[in-house]
Amino acid sequence: MPALSISDVSLAEGNGGSVVATFTVTLATASQQTVTVNYATSNGSATAGSDYTAVSGTVTFAAGETSKTFTVPLINDTPVENPETVNLTLSNPTGGAALGSPGTA
């Protein structure tokens, strides 16, 4: 059973312009069938709407694919802040896949 995992991302926020965090979802071994997994953001120490734009969706792996990406838009602001976190969670895998480790980032 192929295992799904997600990578952590660390980046510095600027004081303007658009910044996105790109997350990579990996399927440990290629499947011969389509595999899907849902993803969703939730607040860590960062807050949706003021620090980042909440996103959710589905990543689809075609047969033979092992890596996919999606982005989370960050909201640039000028106040100096301590490092903040956004939680990303994978759920509901299909196509014979299972959640591996890590299943959150």
N, C-alpha and C. Protein backbone atom coordinates (compact mmCIF):
# COMPACT_ATOMS: atom_id res chain seq x y z
N MET A 1 0.85 -1.18 0.00
CA MET A 1 0.00 0.00 0.00
C MET A 1 0.89 1.24 0.00
N PRO A 2 0.82 2.08 -1.03
CA PRO A 2 1.65 3.29 -1.08
C PRO A 2 1.29 4.26 0.05
N ALA A 3 2.30 4.86 0.65
CA ALA A 3 2.09 5.81 1.74
C ALA A 3 2.24 7.24 1.23
N LEU A 4 1.35 8.13 1.69
CA LEU A 4 1.37 9.55 1.35
C LEU A 4 1.99 10.34 2.49
N SER A 5 2.82 11.33 2.17
CA SER A 5 3.39 12.21 3.18
C SER A 5 3.48 13.63 2.63
N ILE A 6 3.71 14.59 3.52
CA ILE A 6 3.79 16.00 3.13
C ILE A 6 5.04 16.60 3.76
N SER A 7 5.68 17.52 3.03
CA SER A 7 6.91 18.13 3.51
C SER A 7 6.64 19.44 4.24
N ASP A 8 7.48 19.76 5.22
CA ASP A 8 7.44 21.07 5.88
C ASP A 8 8.04 22.12 4.97
N VAL A 9 7.63 23.36 5.17
CA VAL A 9 8.18 24.49 4.42
C VAL A 9 8.50 25.58 5.42
N SER A 10 9.65 26.23 5.23
CA SER A 10 10.03 27.36 6.07
C SER A 10 10.49 28.47 5.15
N LEU A 11 9.91 29.67 5.32
CA LEU A 11 10.35 30.80 4.51
C LEU A 11 10.09 32.10 5.24
N ALA A 12 10.78 33.12 4.78
CA ALA A 12 10.66 34.44 5.41
C ALA A 12 9.60 35.25 4.68
N GLU A 13 8.78 35.92 5.44
CA GLU A 13 7.74 36.79 4.92
C GLU A 13 8.36 38.14 4.60
N GLY A 14 7.90 38.76 3.54
CA GLY A 14 8.40 40.08 3.17
C GLY A 14 7.48 41.17 3.66
N ASN A 15 7.69 42.36 3.18
CA ASN A 15 6.87 43.51 3.57
C ASN A 15 6.00 44.00 2.42
N GLY A 16 5.72 43.17 1.48
CA GLY A 16 4.89 43.54 0.35
C GLY A 16 5.01 42.52 -0.74
N GLY A 17 4.17 42.64 -1.75
CA GLY A 17 4.19 41.67 -2.83
C GLY A 17 3.55 40.37 -2.42
N SER A 18 3.55 39.42 -3.32
CA SER A 18 2.92 38.14 -3.00
C SER A 18 3.97 37.10 -2.68
N VAL A 19 3.68 36.32 -1.66
CA VAL A 19 4.54 35.22 -1.25
C VAL A 19 3.64 34.01 -1.09
N VAL A 20 4.09 32.87 -1.59
CA VAL A 20 3.35 31.64 -1.41
C VAL A 20 4.28 30.58 -0.84
N ALA A 21 3.73 29.75 0.01
CA ALA A 21 4.45 28.58 0.51
C ALA A 21 4.03 27.40 -0.35
N THR A 22 4.99 26.71 -0.92
CA THR A 22 4.70 25.55 -1.77
C THR A 22 4.97 24.28 -0.99
N PHE A 23 3.95 23.46 -0.86
CA PHE A 23 4.05 22.20 -0.14
C PHE A 23 4.07 21.04 -1.13
N THR A 24 4.88 20.03 -0.82
CA THR A 24 5.00 18.86 -1.68
C THR A 24 4.40 17.66 -0.99
N VAL A 25 3.47 16.99 -1.68
CA VAL A 25 2.88 15.75 -1.22
C VAL A 25 3.56 14.63 -2.01
N THR A 26 4.01 13.61 -1.30
CA THR A 26 4.76 12.53 -1.93
C THR A 26 4.05 11.20 -1.73
N LEU A 27 4.01 10.42 -2.78
CA LEU A 27 3.51 9.05 -2.73
C LEU A 27 4.75 8.17 -2.73
N ALA A 28 4.96 7.40 -1.66
CA ALA A 28 6.21 6.67 -1.46
C ALA A 28 6.56 5.75 -2.63
N THR A 29 5.59 5.09 -3.19
CA THR A 29 5.82 4.25 -4.37
C THR A 29 4.72 4.54 -5.38
N ALA A 30 5.07 4.49 -6.64
CA ALA A 30 4.10 4.76 -7.70
C ALA A 30 3.00 3.72 -7.67
N SER A 31 1.79 4.17 -7.92
CA SER A 31 0.64 3.28 -7.98
C SER A 31 0.27 3.07 -9.45
N GLN A 32 -0.39 1.97 -9.73
CA GLN A 32 -0.86 1.71 -11.09
C GLN A 32 -2.27 2.25 -11.30
N GLN A 33 -2.82 2.90 -10.27
CA GLN A 33 -4.14 3.49 -10.38
C GLN A 33 -4.11 4.93 -9.86
N THR A 34 -5.15 5.69 -10.10
CA THR A 34 -5.24 7.06 -9.61
C THR A 34 -5.35 7.05 -8.09
N VAL A 35 -4.58 7.94 -7.45
CA VAL A 35 -4.60 8.10 -5.99
C VAL A 35 -4.96 9.56 -5.71
N THR A 36 -5.86 9.78 -4.76
CA THR A 36 -6.18 11.15 -4.34
C THR A 36 -6.03 11.26 -2.83
N VAL A 37 -5.80 12.50 -2.39
CA VAL A 37 -5.76 12.79 -0.95
C VAL A 37 -6.20 14.24 -0.77
N ASN A 38 -6.99 14.48 0.25
CA ASN A 38 -7.43 15.84 0.56
C ASN A 38 -6.39 16.54 1.41
N TYR A 39 -6.34 17.87 1.29
CA TYR A 39 -5.47 18.68 2.14
C TYR A 39 -6.26 19.88 2.64
N ALA A 40 -5.86 20.40 3.79
CA ALA A 40 -6.51 21.59 4.35
C ALA A 40 -5.57 22.29 5.31
N THR A 41 -5.67 23.62 5.34
CA THR A 41 -4.91 24.41 6.30
C THR A 41 -5.73 24.57 7.58
N SER A 42 -5.03 24.84 8.67
CA SER A 42 -5.67 25.25 9.92
C SER A 42 -4.68 26.13 10.67
N ASN A 43 -5.20 26.94 11.56
CA ASN A 43 -4.34 27.87 12.30
C ASN A 43 -3.40 27.12 13.23
N GLY A 44 -2.14 27.55 13.18
CA GLY A 44 -1.18 27.22 14.20
C GLY A 44 -1.07 28.49 15.02
N SER A 45 0.10 29.11 15.01
CA SER A 45 0.22 30.43 15.62
C SER A 45 -0.14 31.53 14.63
N ALA A 46 -0.20 31.20 13.33
CA ALA A 46 -0.65 32.14 12.31
C ALA A 46 -2.18 32.05 12.20
N THR A 47 -2.80 33.15 11.78
CA THR A 47 -4.25 33.22 11.69
C THR A 47 -4.70 33.41 10.25
N ALA A 48 -5.63 32.56 9.82
CA ALA A 48 -6.20 32.69 8.47
C ALA A 48 -6.85 34.06 8.34
N GLY A 49 -6.63 34.69 7.19
CA GLY A 49 -7.22 35.99 6.94
C GLY A 49 -6.31 37.15 7.28
N SER A 50 -5.41 36.97 8.26
CA SER A 50 -4.48 38.05 8.57
C SER A 50 -3.03 37.65 8.31
N ASP A 51 -2.72 36.35 8.37
CA ASP A 51 -1.35 35.89 8.12
C ASP A 51 -1.22 35.03 6.86
N TYR A 52 -2.30 34.34 6.51
CA TYR A 52 -2.30 33.48 5.33
C TYR A 52 -3.74 33.32 4.84
N THR A 53 -3.88 32.83 3.61
CA THR A 53 -5.19 32.55 3.06
C THR A 53 -5.47 31.06 3.23
N ALA A 54 -6.56 30.74 3.91
CA ALA A 54 -6.91 29.34 4.12
C ALA A 54 -7.18 28.66 2.78
N VAL A 55 -6.70 27.43 2.64
CA VAL A 55 -6.93 26.65 1.42
C VAL A 55 -7.30 25.22 1.80
N SER A 56 -8.01 24.59 0.90
CA SER A 56 -8.27 23.15 1.00
C SER A 56 -8.49 22.65 -0.42
N GLY A 57 -8.32 21.37 -0.60
CA GLY A 57 -8.50 20.82 -1.93
C GLY A 57 -8.12 19.37 -1.97
N THR A 58 -7.93 18.88 -3.17
CA THR A 58 -7.57 17.49 -3.40
C THR A 58 -6.37 17.42 -4.32
N VAL A 59 -5.41 16.62 -3.97
CA VAL A 59 -4.26 16.34 -4.83
C VAL A 59 -4.54 15.01 -5.52
N THR A 60 -4.35 14.97 -6.83
CA THR A 60 -4.60 13.75 -7.61
C THR A 60 -3.31 13.29 -8.26
N PHE A 61 -2.94 12.05 -7.99
CA PHE A 61 -1.79 11.41 -8.61
C PHE A 61 -2.29 10.48 -9.70
N ALA A 62 -1.87 10.71 -10.93
CA ALA A 62 -2.18 9.77 -12.01
C ALA A 62 -1.29 8.53 -11.81
N ALA A 63 -1.65 7.45 -12.44
CA ALA A 63 -0.84 6.24 -12.36
C ALA A 63 0.61 6.57 -12.68
N GLY A 64 1.52 6.14 -11.83
CA GLY A 64 2.95 6.34 -12.04
C GLY A 64 3.51 7.60 -11.42
N GLU A 65 2.68 8.57 -11.01
CA GLU A 65 3.18 9.81 -10.41
C GLU A 65 3.47 9.62 -8.92
N THR A 66 4.50 10.31 -8.43
CA THR A 66 4.86 10.16 -7.02
C THR A 66 5.01 11.49 -6.28
N SER A 67 4.86 12.63 -6.96
CA SER A 67 5.04 13.92 -6.30
C SER A 67 4.10 14.95 -6.90
N LYS A 68 3.44 15.72 -6.02
CA LYS A 68 2.55 16.80 -6.42
C LYS A 68 2.74 17.97 -5.46
N THR A 69 2.43 19.18 -5.92
CA THR A 69 2.56 20.35 -5.06
C THR A 69 1.26 21.14 -5.04
N PHE A 70 1.10 21.95 -3.99
CA PHE A 70 0.04 22.94 -3.91
C PHE A 70 0.59 24.11 -3.11
N THR A 71 -0.05 25.26 -3.22
CA THR A 71 0.47 26.46 -2.57
C THR A 71 -0.51 27.03 -1.55
N VAL A 72 0.06 27.74 -0.58
CA VAL A 72 -0.70 28.47 0.42
C VAL A 72 -0.24 29.93 0.34
N PRO A 73 -1.13 30.84 -0.05
CA PRO A 73 -0.75 32.26 -0.13
C PRO A 73 -0.53 32.84 1.27
N LEU A 74 0.58 33.55 1.43
CA LEU A 74 0.87 34.24 2.68
C LEU A 74 0.50 35.70 2.54
N ILE A 75 0.05 36.31 3.61
CA ILE A 75 -0.32 37.72 3.60
C ILE A 75 0.83 38.50 4.22
N ASN A 76 1.49 39.30 3.39
CA ASN A 76 2.61 40.12 3.86
C ASN A 76 2.09 41.28 4.69
N ASP A 77 2.74 41.53 5.79
CA ASP A 77 2.40 42.70 6.60
C ASP A 77 3.70 43.33 7.08
N THR A 78 3.61 44.54 7.56
CA THR A 78 4.83 45.26 7.94
C THR A 78 5.25 45.09 9.39
N PRO A 79 4.36 44.77 10.33
CA PRO A 79 4.84 44.61 11.71
C PRO A 79 5.83 43.46 11.83
N VAL A 80 6.85 43.66 12.66
CA VAL A 80 7.80 42.59 12.94
C VAL A 80 7.11 41.59 13.87
N GLU A 81 7.14 40.32 13.49
CA GLU A 81 6.48 39.29 14.28
C GLU A 81 7.44 38.14 14.54
N ASN A 82 7.15 37.38 15.58
CA ASN A 82 7.89 36.15 15.82
C ASN A 82 7.51 35.15 14.73
N PRO A 83 8.31 34.10 14.55
CA PRO A 83 7.94 33.07 13.57
C PRO A 83 6.55 32.50 13.89
N GLU A 84 5.78 32.26 12.83
CA GLU A 84 4.43 31.74 12.99
C GLU A 84 4.27 30.46 12.16
N THR A 85 3.28 29.65 12.53
CA THR A 85 3.06 28.38 11.84
C THR A 85 1.64 28.29 11.30
N VAL A 86 1.53 27.59 10.18
CA VAL A 86 0.26 27.20 9.58
C VAL A 86 0.29 25.68 9.53
N ASN A 87 -0.79 25.03 9.93
CA ASN A 87 -0.85 23.57 9.89
C ASN A 87 -1.47 23.11 8.58
N LEU A 88 -0.89 22.08 7.98
CA LEU A 88 -1.42 21.45 6.78
C LEU A 88 -1.68 20.00 7.12
N THR A 89 -2.86 19.51 6.81
CA THR A 89 -3.22 18.14 7.14
C THR A 89 -3.72 17.41 5.91
N LEU A 90 -3.24 16.18 5.73
CA LEU A 90 -3.74 15.30 4.67
C LEU A 90 -4.82 14.41 5.26
N SER A 91 -5.82 14.06 4.43
CA SER A 91 -6.89 13.18 4.91
C SER A 91 -7.55 12.45 3.74
N ASN A 92 -8.28 11.42 4.05
CA ASN A 92 -9.13 10.68 3.10
C ASN A 92 -8.41 10.20 1.84
N PRO A 93 -7.31 9.44 1.99
CA PRO A 93 -6.65 8.93 0.78
C PRO A 93 -7.52 7.90 0.08
N THR A 94 -7.40 7.84 -1.25
CA THR A 94 -8.13 6.85 -2.03
C THR A 94 -7.14 6.12 -2.94
N GLY A 95 -7.62 5.16 -3.69
CA GLY A 95 -6.79 4.45 -4.66
C GLY A 95 -5.84 3.47 -4.01
N GLY A 96 -6.15 2.99 -2.82
CA GLY A 96 -5.31 2.01 -2.16
C GLY A 96 -4.14 2.62 -1.41
N ALA A 97 -4.08 3.94 -1.30
CA ALA A 97 -2.99 4.60 -0.57
C ALA A 97 -3.39 4.78 0.89
N ALA A 98 -2.40 5.00 1.73
CA ALA A 98 -2.61 5.25 3.16
C ALA A 98 -1.79 6.47 3.56
N LEU A 99 -2.19 7.11 4.64
CA LEU A 99 -1.41 8.23 5.15
C LEU A 99 -0.15 7.68 5.82
N GLY A 100 0.97 8.23 5.41
CA GLY A 100 2.25 7.86 6.01
C GLY A 100 2.66 8.91 7.01
N SER A 101 3.94 8.98 7.23
CA SER A 101 4.47 9.96 8.19
C SER A 101 5.50 10.82 7.46
N PRO A 102 5.40 12.12 7.53
CA PRO A 102 4.35 12.84 8.26
C PRO A 102 3.11 13.04 7.42
N GLY A 103 1.96 13.03 8.07
CA GLY A 103 0.68 13.31 7.43
C GLY A 103 0.25 14.74 7.66
N THR A 104 1.08 15.47 8.43
CA THR A 104 0.83 16.89 8.66
C THR A 104 2.14 17.64 8.47
N ALA A 105 2.02 18.92 8.16
CA ALA A 105 3.21 19.78 8.03
C ALA A 105 2.93 21.09 8.70
